[in-house]
Protein backbone atom coordinates (compact mmCIF):
# COMPACT_ATOMS: atom_id res chain seq x y z
CA MET A 1 76.23 92.08 113.42
CA SER A 2 76.02 92.97 110.24
CA SER A 3 78.50 90.82 107.71
CA ALA A 4 80.67 92.58 105.63
CA PHE A 5 78.38 91.42 102.39
CA ASP A 6 75.16 92.36 104.53
CA VAL A 7 77.06 96.38 104.26
CA VAL A 8 77.94 96.29 100.71
CA ALA A 9 74.28 94.73 100.18
CA ASP A 10 72.69 97.61 101.53
CA ALA A 11 75.25 100.19 100.39
CA LEU A 12 74.40 99.00 96.55
CA ALA A 13 70.96 99.13 97.23
CA GLU A 14 71.34 103.03 97.90
CA ARG A 15 73.11 103.62 94.86
CA GLU A 16 71.28 104.78 91.23
CA PRO A 17 72.76 102.97 88.22
CA ALA A 18 75.81 104.54 87.00
CA CYS A 19 76.96 102.61 84.47
CA GLY A 20 73.52 103.50 81.66
CA ARG A 21 71.10 100.84 83.88
CA VAL A 22 73.62 99.13 85.06
CA ARG A 23 74.70 99.25 88.54
CA VAL A 24 78.54 98.52 88.94
CA VAL A 25 80.64 97.55 92.27
CA ALA A 26 84.51 97.29 91.46
CA VAL A 27 86.23 95.26 94.35
CA ASP A 28 90.05 96.15 94.56
CA GLY A 29 93.08 95.67 96.64
CA ARG A 30 96.41 94.17 96.35
CA SER A 31 97.01 90.76 95.37
CA GLY A 32 95.75 88.27 97.71
CA ALA A 33 92.92 90.54 99.71
CA GLY A 34 90.75 88.11 98.67
CA LYS A 35 88.79 89.76 95.88
CA SER A 36 87.55 87.23 93.72
CA SER A 37 86.00 85.29 96.72
CA PHE A 38 84.48 88.51 98.06
CA ALA A 39 83.58 88.78 94.63
CA GLU A 40 81.98 85.55 93.92
CA GLN A 41 80.13 85.53 97.54
CA LEU A 42 78.52 88.79 96.81
CA ALA A 43 77.42 88.07 93.27
CA GLU A 44 75.52 85.32 95.40
CA ARG A 45 74.03 87.75 97.95
CA VAL A 46 73.22 90.08 95.31
CA SER A 47 71.91 88.50 92.70
CA ALA A 48 75.16 89.77 90.18
CA ALA A 49 77.23 88.49 87.10
CA VAL A 50 80.78 89.26 87.74
CA PHE A 51 83.65 90.42 85.30
CA SER A 52 87.08 89.12 86.93
CA LEU A 53 89.74 91.35 85.48
CA GLU A 54 92.06 87.86 85.95
CA ASP A 55 90.34 87.24 82.95
CA VAL A 56 91.53 90.10 80.64
CA TYR A 57 95.43 90.81 82.14
CA PRO A 58 97.47 90.96 78.89
CA GLY A 59 100.03 89.08 80.62
CA TRP A 60 101.96 89.63 83.92
CA HIS A 61 103.20 93.01 83.20
CA GLY A 62 99.97 94.07 81.76
CA LEU A 63 98.25 96.03 85.12
CA GLU A 64 97.91 99.59 83.71
CA ALA A 65 96.72 98.00 79.95
CA THR A 66 93.68 96.54 82.07
CA VAL A 67 92.09 99.93 82.19
CA PRO A 68 91.49 100.91 78.87
CA ILE A 69 90.30 97.12 77.86
CA VAL A 70 87.80 97.93 81.11
CA ARG A 71 86.65 101.45 80.12
CA ASP A 72 85.42 100.33 76.91
CA VAL A 73 83.18 97.36 78.67
CA LEU A 74 82.00 99.63 80.87
CA ALA A 75 81.45 102.27 77.97
CA ALA A 76 79.14 99.83 75.64
CA LEU A 77 77.25 98.64 78.81
CA ALA A 78 76.35 102.11 79.49
CA VAL A 79 74.98 102.66 75.99
CA ASP A 80 72.90 99.12 76.59
CA GLU A 81 75.42 97.38 74.66
CA PHE A 82 77.13 93.83 75.14
CA GLY A 83 80.94 95.05 76.91
CA ARG A 84 83.84 93.37 74.80
CA ALA A 85 86.92 92.31 75.70
CA ARG A 86 89.67 89.29 74.82
CA ARG A 87 90.53 86.73 77.50
CA TRP A 88 94.14 86.72 77.98
CA ASP A 89 95.86 83.28 77.06
CA TRP A 90 98.09 82.68 79.97
CA GLU A 91 99.42 79.47 78.69
CA ARG A 92 100.78 80.94 75.77
CA ASP A 93 100.74 84.14 76.51
CA ARG A 94 98.70 86.17 73.89
CA PRO A 95 95.23 87.60 73.73
CA GLY A 96 92.43 84.39 73.82
CA ASP A 97 88.81 84.26 72.61
CA GLU A 98 86.42 87.39 73.09
CA ILE A 99 84.42 87.70 76.32
CA LEU A 100 80.98 88.98 76.61
CA VAL A 101 79.59 91.37 79.27
CA PRO A 102 75.79 91.29 78.92
CA PRO A 103 74.87 94.92 80.42
CA VAL A 104 72.94 92.94 83.46
CA PRO A 105 71.12 94.80 86.47
CA THR A 106 74.33 94.39 88.27
CA LEU A 107 77.88 93.93 87.83
CA ILE A 108 80.94 93.43 89.73
CA VAL A 109 84.26 93.74 88.68
CA GLU A 110 86.88 92.56 90.58
CA GLY A 111 90.79 92.29 90.62
CA VAL A 112 93.70 94.43 90.94
CA GLY A 113 92.54 98.00 89.05
CA ALA A 114 89.05 97.87 89.52
CA GLY A 115 88.55 100.94 90.77
CA ALA A 116 91.12 103.06 88.73
CA MET A 117 90.29 106.88 88.56
CA ALA A 118 89.16 106.09 84.48
CA LEU A 119 86.18 103.51 85.83
CA ARG A 120 84.86 105.65 88.54
CA PRO A 121 82.09 107.45 86.57
CA PHE A 122 80.82 104.27 85.49
CA LEU A 123 80.83 103.04 89.20
CA SER A 124 78.02 102.92 91.59
CA LEU A 125 80.22 101.84 94.37
CA LEU A 126 83.60 101.44 94.91
CA VAL A 127 84.91 98.15 97.54
CA TRP A 128 88.17 98.07 98.92
CA LEU A 129 89.58 95.02 100.62
CA GLU A 130 92.46 95.39 102.63
CA ALA A 131 94.87 92.43 104.61
CA PRO A 132 98.22 92.14 105.29
CA GLU A 133 101.30 91.29 102.83
CA PRO A 134 102.12 88.01 104.70
CA VAL A 135 98.14 87.07 104.84
CA ARG A 136 97.88 88.56 100.80
CA LYS A 137 101.55 86.70 99.77
CA GLU A 138 100.24 83.06 101.50
CA ARG A 139 96.86 83.48 99.71
CA ALA A 140 97.95 84.58 96.61
CA LEU A 141 100.57 81.90 96.52
CA ALA A 142 98.40 78.86 98.24
CA ARG A 143 95.77 79.90 95.32
CA ASP A 144 98.21 79.95 91.92
CA GLY A 145 100.98 78.57 93.75
CA GLU A 146 104.02 78.23 91.20
CA THR A 147 102.49 80.23 88.50
CA PHE A 148 102.34 83.20 90.60
CA ALA A 149 105.53 82.93 92.88
CA PRO A 150 108.10 84.27 90.39
CA TRP A 151 105.51 86.90 89.67
CA TRP A 152 105.18 88.61 92.87
CA ASP A 153 107.05 91.10 92.96
CA VAL A 154 106.53 92.15 89.37
CA TRP A 155 103.13 92.44 90.28
CA ALA A 156 103.28 93.67 93.39
CA ALA A 157 105.69 96.61 91.57
CA GLN A 158 102.93 97.57 89.04
CA GLU A 159 100.37 97.79 92.46
CA ARG A 160 102.46 99.65 94.07
CA ALA A 161 102.62 102.38 91.45
CA HIS A 162 98.98 102.03 90.32
CA PHE A 163 97.38 102.52 93.65
CA ALA A 164 99.97 105.55 94.64
CA ARG A 165 98.73 107.01 91.39
CA GLU A 166 95.04 106.22 91.72
CA MET A 167 94.45 106.78 95.35
CA THR A 168 92.00 103.97 94.84
CA ALA A 169 91.59 103.13 98.95
CA GLY A 170 90.91 106.65 99.34
CA ALA A 171 88.52 107.00 96.87
CA ALA A 172 86.52 103.82 97.92
CA ASP A 173 83.18 104.03 99.43
CA LEU A 174 83.86 100.93 101.93
CA VAL A 175 86.87 99.85 103.20
CA ILE A 176 86.94 96.05 104.89
CA ARG A 177 89.81 94.06 105.98
CA THR A 178 90.11 90.62 104.97
CA GLY A 179 92.82 89.82 106.95
């Protein structure tokens, strides 16, 4: 029986780069669906770098503002340049150091919004991770604890609006249930 990682790796092997010479895999889904863990394990399986949107969301109200940031990173990679973005300093609630994203052969972009319509022209593969809300909430709060707890509803409202408009799950090449 094939693992989800095998299925994604096989699908990716059949895809051409859509971002210059870079094959970009977007791993999207709601908070707590398992995107970060899945992306890390997939990266090992397919020898990829990971660009985590958690590093660049501009604060707890910043989901929509992240899409143009990521689009600029991918546009730079598409012309074989380094992508640049500001890391978000969550402790100080302001932009932090610059992140450089090199034009590697395979890049996994993971996080809520990674499969947004504005980013899809750059994607070789869009993977949607899905889990029931109680499972997602338990995972997210176990991972981020008291930091995320007061923001769960604020973030979830942004996700609902974003995914209703973007219809990401329906556009995904692969849907993987993680819970």
